[in-house]
N, C-alpha and C. Protein backbone atom coordinates (compact mmCIF):
# COMPACT_ATOMS: atom_id res chain seq x y z
N MET A 1 101.79 103.15 109.32
CA MET A 1 102.20 103.84 108.12
C MET A 1 101.06 104.71 107.61
N HIS A 2 101.35 105.94 107.34
CA HIS A 2 100.36 106.82 106.73
C HIS A 2 100.61 106.89 105.24
N TRP A 3 99.54 106.90 104.49
CA TRP A 3 99.61 106.93 103.03
C TRP A 3 99.52 108.37 102.53
N THR A 4 100.17 108.63 101.42
CA THR A 4 100.00 109.91 100.74
C THR A 4 98.91 109.73 99.68
N ARG A 5 98.35 110.81 99.25
CA ARG A 5 97.32 110.75 98.22
C ARG A 5 97.86 110.09 96.94
N PRO A 6 99.04 110.49 96.45
CA PRO A 6 99.57 109.83 95.24
C PRO A 6 99.80 108.33 95.44
N ALA A 7 100.25 107.94 96.63
CA ALA A 7 100.48 106.52 96.90
C ALA A 7 99.16 105.75 96.89
N LEU A 8 98.11 106.35 97.45
CA LEU A 8 96.79 105.69 97.42
C LEU A 8 96.27 105.58 96.00
N ALA A 9 96.44 106.63 95.21
CA ALA A 9 96.00 106.59 93.82
C ALA A 9 96.74 105.49 93.05
N THR A 10 98.03 105.36 93.31
CA THR A 10 98.82 104.31 92.67
C THR A 10 98.34 102.94 93.10
N LYS A 11 98.03 102.78 94.39
CA LYS A 11 97.53 101.50 94.90
C LYS A 11 96.20 101.13 94.24
N VAL A 12 95.30 102.09 94.13
CA VAL A 12 94.01 101.84 93.49
C VAL A 12 94.22 101.44 92.03
N ALA A 13 95.10 102.15 91.34
CA ALA A 13 95.39 101.81 89.94
C ALA A 13 95.98 100.40 89.83
N SER A 14 96.84 100.05 90.77
CA SER A 14 97.44 98.72 90.79
C SER A 14 96.37 97.65 91.01
N LEU A 15 95.46 97.90 91.92
CA LEU A 15 94.38 96.96 92.17
C LEU A 15 93.50 96.81 90.93
N LYS A 16 93.27 97.91 90.23
CA LYS A 16 92.44 97.89 89.02
C LYS A 16 93.12 97.08 87.92
N GLU A 17 94.45 97.14 87.84
CA GLU A 17 95.18 96.37 86.84
C GLU A 17 95.10 94.87 87.13
N LYS A 18 95.07 94.51 88.41
CA LYS A 18 95.09 93.10 88.81
C LYS A 18 93.70 92.48 88.89
N HIS A 19 92.68 93.29 89.09
CA HIS A 19 91.33 92.79 89.33
C HIS A 19 90.33 93.51 88.44
N SER A 20 89.19 92.88 88.23
CA SER A 20 88.12 93.53 87.50
C SER A 20 86.79 93.20 88.16
N GLY A 21 85.80 94.02 87.87
CA GLY A 21 84.46 93.79 88.39
C GLY A 21 84.40 93.64 89.89
N ASP A 22 83.67 92.63 90.33
CA ASP A 22 83.49 92.41 91.77
C ASP A 22 84.80 92.07 92.48
N ASP A 23 85.74 91.45 91.77
CA ASP A 23 87.03 91.15 92.38
C ASP A 23 87.78 92.43 92.72
N PHE A 24 87.67 93.42 91.83
CA PHE A 24 88.29 94.73 92.10
C PHE A 24 87.64 95.38 93.33
N VAL A 25 86.33 95.34 93.35
CA VAL A 25 85.60 95.93 94.49
C VAL A 25 86.05 95.28 95.79
N GLN A 26 86.11 93.96 95.80
CA GLN A 26 86.51 93.24 97.00
C GLN A 26 87.94 93.58 97.40
N ALA A 27 88.83 93.71 96.43
CA ALA A 27 90.23 94.06 96.73
C ALA A 27 90.32 95.44 97.36
N VAL A 28 89.54 96.39 96.85
CA VAL A 28 89.54 97.74 97.43
C VAL A 28 88.98 97.71 98.84
N VAL A 29 87.91 96.98 99.05
CA VAL A 29 87.31 96.89 100.38
C VAL A 29 88.30 96.28 101.38
N GLU A 30 88.97 95.22 100.98
CA GLU A 30 89.95 94.59 101.86
C GLU A 30 91.12 95.53 102.17
N PHE A 31 91.56 96.26 101.17
CA PHE A 31 92.63 97.24 101.39
C PHE A 31 92.16 98.33 102.35
N ALA A 32 90.95 98.85 102.12
CA ALA A 32 90.41 99.93 102.96
C ALA A 32 90.29 99.50 104.42
N ASP A 33 89.97 98.25 104.63
CA ASP A 33 89.83 97.74 106.00
C ASP A 33 91.14 97.79 106.78
N GLN A 34 92.26 97.87 106.07
CA GLN A 34 93.57 97.89 106.72
C GLN A 34 94.03 99.31 107.06
N LEU A 35 93.32 100.31 106.57
CA LEU A 35 93.75 101.70 106.75
C LEU A 35 93.20 102.30 108.03
N ASP A 36 93.91 103.31 108.53
CA ASP A 36 93.38 104.04 109.67
C ASP A 36 92.33 105.04 109.15
N PRO A 37 91.53 105.62 110.04
CA PRO A 37 90.43 106.49 109.61
C PRO A 37 90.86 107.65 108.71
N GLU A 38 91.99 108.26 109.01
CA GLU A 38 92.46 109.40 108.21
C GLU A 38 92.79 108.96 106.78
N ASP A 39 93.47 107.82 106.67
CA ASP A 39 93.81 107.32 105.34
C ASP A 39 92.58 106.83 104.59
N ARG A 40 91.59 106.31 105.30
CA ARG A 40 90.34 105.90 104.65
C ARG A 40 89.63 107.08 104.02
N LYS A 41 89.64 108.22 104.72
CA LYS A 41 89.01 109.42 104.16
C LYS A 41 89.70 109.84 102.87
N MET A 42 91.03 109.77 102.88
CA MET A 42 91.78 110.12 101.68
C MET A 42 91.48 109.12 100.56
N LEU A 43 91.38 107.84 100.90
CA LEU A 43 91.04 106.82 99.91
C LEU A 43 89.66 107.11 99.32
N GLN A 44 88.71 107.50 100.14
CA GLN A 44 87.38 107.85 99.64
C GLN A 44 87.49 108.94 98.57
N SER A 45 88.30 109.93 98.86
CA SER A 45 88.48 111.03 97.92
C SER A 45 89.10 110.53 96.61
N VAL A 46 90.09 109.67 96.72
CA VAL A 46 90.72 109.10 95.52
C VAL A 46 89.71 108.30 94.73
N LEU A 47 88.88 107.52 95.40
CA LEU A 47 87.89 106.69 94.72
C LEU A 47 86.81 107.52 94.03
N LEU A 48 86.54 108.69 94.57
CA LEU A 48 85.50 109.53 93.98
C LEU A 48 85.99 110.32 92.77
N GLU A 49 87.30 110.40 92.60
CA GLU A 49 87.83 111.11 91.44
C GLU A 49 87.49 110.35 90.18
N ARG A 50 87.26 111.09 89.14
CA ARG A 50 87.04 110.48 87.83
C ARG A 50 88.11 111.01 86.90
N LYS A 51 88.84 110.11 86.32
CA LYS A 51 89.83 110.50 85.34
C LYS A 51 89.23 110.30 83.95
N PRO A 52 89.57 111.16 82.99
CA PRO A 52 89.00 110.99 81.65
C PRO A 52 89.24 109.57 81.13
N GLY A 53 88.17 108.92 80.77
CA GLY A 53 88.25 107.56 80.26
C GLY A 53 88.54 106.52 81.33
N GLY A 54 88.58 106.95 82.58
CA GLY A 54 88.90 106.03 83.66
C GLY A 54 87.67 105.40 84.27
N TYR A 55 87.90 104.50 85.16
CA TYR A 55 86.83 103.77 85.84
C TYR A 55 86.27 104.62 86.97
N PRO A 56 84.96 104.80 87.03
CA PRO A 56 84.37 105.50 88.18
C PRO A 56 84.36 104.56 89.39
N PHE A 57 85.12 104.90 90.39
CA PHE A 57 85.35 104.01 91.52
C PHE A 57 84.28 104.11 92.60
N GLN A 58 83.12 104.65 92.28
CA GLN A 58 82.10 104.81 93.31
C GLN A 58 81.56 103.49 93.84
N LEU A 59 81.51 102.45 93.02
CA LEU A 59 80.97 101.17 93.48
C LEU A 59 81.76 100.59 94.65
N PRO A 60 83.10 100.54 94.59
CA PRO A 60 83.82 100.04 95.77
C PRO A 60 83.57 100.91 96.99
N LEU A 61 83.47 102.22 96.77
CA LEU A 61 83.24 103.13 97.89
C LEU A 61 81.89 102.86 98.53
N ARG A 62 80.87 102.65 97.73
CA ARG A 62 79.54 102.36 98.29
C ARG A 62 79.54 101.08 99.09
N ARG A 63 80.18 100.04 98.58
CA ARG A 63 80.22 98.77 99.29
C ARG A 63 81.02 98.88 100.57
N TRP A 64 82.10 99.63 100.51
CA TRP A 64 82.96 99.77 101.67
C TRP A 64 82.25 100.57 102.76
N ARG A 65 81.55 101.63 102.39
CA ARG A 65 80.84 102.44 103.37
C ARG A 65 79.73 101.67 104.07
N GLY A 66 79.20 100.66 103.39
CA GLY A 66 78.12 99.87 103.95
C GLY A 66 78.56 98.93 105.06
N ARG A 67 79.83 98.87 105.32
CA ARG A 67 80.34 97.96 106.36
C ARG A 67 80.15 98.53 107.73
């Protein structure tokens, strides 16, 4: 299954609603591990976006890239 950018953004938002702090980071990392390389690149882009008043998702991205 290939993900669309809006679907990935929705998934990240869903993970953020269910988890916080390190648990959120771990949930994103586990999700990213299930994606193919093309979808991972798109997820990286979604994580780097900053929405006004939103959470800067760079921490999960840094941890995930370190794998």
